[in-house]
Amino acid sequence: MPDTRREYSYDDLFPERWLHAPDLDGRTVTLKIIDLYAETIVNPKTKKGDECGIVSFDKTKREYVLSKQNAWILKTVFGPTKDDVDGKRITISPVPDSSGFTEHGIRILFTGSPDIDADMRLTLPGGARVIFKKTKVAKAATVQEGDVDAVTGEVTQPAGDTQAGQNGDDTHDAETSTTQARFDEAGEIS
């Protein structure tokens, strides 16, 4: 009789649909948006359904439930419709969260994109000011925890870390290079 046992992995047995800030493991990553749609999601605590914006990315099965702030950033930077954001690359960073909405005290903030011409100064709803950066796609560099300003979301390069520079073509085979350490070949965050 063949041995049907496999190595135990909680994540394989109970795959997570959503991308959460702790999944980034302190890294800032750039992902290509492949879909944007609305879905009613039931909050398990309140048992009420909320209409949410969902973003799907290339190279991962994980999807992201848009916060109002990140939805506003997408609208302001690229436009208000799915067609405006399809194929755009977005740089996401884990930043501190004191709202009480997250269990882990960090959230995902859209901090930049290689698909814009230059840095953009944004004033978010509520008055907070951030710099949305023209990001470079690095070959192997990562931004470590603490290198994202907790107030502005600005990404700073760690001392001694050099980035390989902008990938000038529009292919995306290695564009998510800062994510490669965390995304396995099946497109799952490891």
Foldseek 3Di string as FASTA:
>chain_A
DDDPDDDDDPCVVPPDQADWQVLCVQWKWKWWWAWKDWDWDQDPVVRDTDIWIWTDTPLANHIYTDDPQQLVVCCVQQRNDGVSRHGFMWIKGWAADPPPPDPPRIGIDGQEGCPDDAWDWDQTVVGQIAIHGNDAQFQADIQGHPQQPRRHRHGDHDPPDDGPGHDPDSDVPCRRVNQDVQADNVSHGD
